[in-house]
């Protein structure tokens, strides 16, 4: 992780193409279908969770609503009201054991 930059989409497609022997177009199609599958699984009609074996689990969680509360501005010391937040959906990604061992 020294001075290396993350792969761009083009570099990722090229790298996967070289490693698998597939064309860049085929690799691009696989990634597009994976995106659609994730969208279906996490969407309203799906189970709200998908596991990519050996890498990660992606799940939709419901975050509870937060009531308005008093707070203190750390810069001025002035008391302020922090606005309430409604209940909302958030996406959680959990790294699986194999991915954790890679790092």
Protein backbone atom coordinates (compact mmCIF):
# COMPACT_ATOMS: atom_id res chain seq x y z
CA UNK A 1 0.00 0.00 0.00
CA UNK A 2 3.01 2.27 -0.33
CA UNK A 3 2.72 4.59 -3.32
CA UNK A 4 0.38 2.50 -5.46
CA UNK A 5 -2.84 4.02 -6.75
CA UNK A 6 -6.09 2.02 -6.85
CA UNK A 7 -7.04 0.45 -10.19
CA UNK A 8 -9.28 2.40 -12.53
CA UNK A 9 -12.22 0.63 -14.16
CA UNK A 10 -10.23 0.16 -17.38
CA UNK A 11 -7.23 -1.21 -15.51
CA UNK A 12 -9.49 -3.57 -13.54
CA UNK A 13 -11.10 -4.88 -16.74
CA UNK A 14 -7.67 -5.37 -18.33
CA UNK A 15 -6.28 -7.18 -15.28
CA UNK A 16 -9.29 -9.49 -14.96
CA UNK A 17 -9.22 -10.14 -18.70
CA UNK A 18 -5.56 -11.19 -18.56
CA UNK A 19 -6.03 -13.39 -15.49
CA UNK A 20 -9.14 -15.19 -16.76
CA UNK A 21 -8.51 -15.37 -20.49
CA UNK A 22 -11.86 -13.69 -21.16
CA UNK A 23 -12.23 -10.63 -23.35
CA UNK A 24 -12.65 -7.21 -21.75
CA UNK A 25 -16.21 -7.15 -23.11
CA UNK A 26 -17.02 -10.46 -21.38
CA UNK A 27 -15.52 -9.25 -18.10
CA UNK A 28 -17.48 -6.00 -18.40
CA UNK A 29 -20.69 -7.99 -18.99
CA UNK A 30 -20.01 -10.14 -15.91
CA UNK A 31 -19.52 -7.04 -13.75
CA UNK A 32 -22.71 -5.46 -15.12
CA UNK A 33 -24.67 -8.64 -14.36
CA UNK A 34 -23.15 -8.78 -10.87
CA UNK A 35 -24.27 -5.19 -10.30
CA UNK A 36 -27.80 -6.06 -11.46
CA UNK A 37 -27.87 -9.16 -9.23
CA UNK A 38 -26.79 -7.13 -6.19
CA UNK A 39 -29.45 -4.53 -6.98
CA UNK A 40 -32.12 -7.25 -7.22
CA UNK A 41 -31.05 -8.87 -3.95
CA UNK A 42 -30.83 -5.61 -1.99
CA UNK A 43 -33.92 -4.03 -3.57
CA UNK A 44 -37.47 -3.94 -2.23
CA UNK A 45 -38.41 -7.35 -3.63
CA UNK A 46 -35.17 -9.10 -2.67
CA UNK A 47 -34.09 -10.65 0.64
CA UNK A 48 -31.99 -7.59 1.54
CA UNK A 49 -28.69 -9.46 1.63
CA UNK A 50 -26.16 -11.05 -0.72
CA UNK A 51 -22.91 -12.89 -0.04
CA UNK A 52 -20.02 -12.87 -2.47
CA UNK A 53 -18.28 -16.10 -1.38
CA UNK A 54 -14.90 -15.61 0.23
CA UNK A 55 -15.06 -11.83 0.02
CA UNK A 56 -17.96 -10.01 1.60
CA UNK A 57 -21.55 -9.96 2.74
CA UNK A 58 -23.63 -6.96 1.72
CA UNK A 59 -26.84 -6.31 3.64
CA UNK A 60 -29.49 -3.62 4.02
CA UNK A 61 -30.10 -2.66 7.65
CA UNK A 62 -32.74 -0.36 9.15
CA UNK A 63 -31.25 2.41 11.26
CA UNK A 64 -33.64 3.59 13.98
CA UNK A 65 -34.90 7.14 14.04
CA UNK A 66 -32.99 9.53 16.27
CA UNK A 67 -34.88 12.12 18.31
CA UNK A 68 -33.76 15.75 18.40
CA UNK A 69 -31.26 16.38 21.16
CA UNK A 70 -29.26 19.11 22.80
CA UNK A 71 -25.61 19.44 21.96
CA UNK A 72 -22.74 21.84 22.49
CA UNK A 73 -20.85 23.54 19.70
CA UNK A 74 -17.23 22.62 20.53
CA UNK A 75 -15.87 25.77 18.92
CA UNK A 76 -18.05 28.33 20.72
CA UNK A 77 -19.34 26.35 23.69
CA UNK A 78 -22.85 27.46 22.73
CA UNK A 79 -25.75 25.06 23.36
CA UNK A 80 -27.50 24.00 20.14
CA UNK A 81 -30.30 21.66 19.09
CA UNK A 82 -29.31 18.75 16.87
CA UNK A 83 -32.11 17.90 14.43
CA UNK A 84 -33.99 14.61 14.58
CA UNK A 85 -33.15 11.95 11.98
CA UNK A 86 -35.85 9.71 10.49
CA UNK A 87 -35.67 5.92 10.29
CA UNK A 88 -33.66 4.98 7.21
CA UNK A 89 -32.05 2.13 5.32
CA UNK A 90 -28.27 1.80 5.23
CA UNK A 91 -26.01 -0.62 3.39
CA UNK A 92 -23.55 -2.58 5.52
CA UNK A 93 -20.61 -4.48 4.03
CA UNK A 94 -18.97 -7.16 6.16
CA UNK A 95 -15.60 -8.59 5.13
CA UNK A 96 -15.52 -12.38 5.30
CA UNK A 97 -12.67 -14.44 6.77
CA UNK A 98 -10.85 -15.05 3.48
CA UNK A 99 -10.79 -11.32 2.65
CA UNK A 100 -9.58 -10.45 6.15
CA UNK A 101 -6.73 -12.96 5.77
CA UNK A 102 -5.67 -11.34 2.47
CA UNK A 103 -4.97 -8.08 4.25
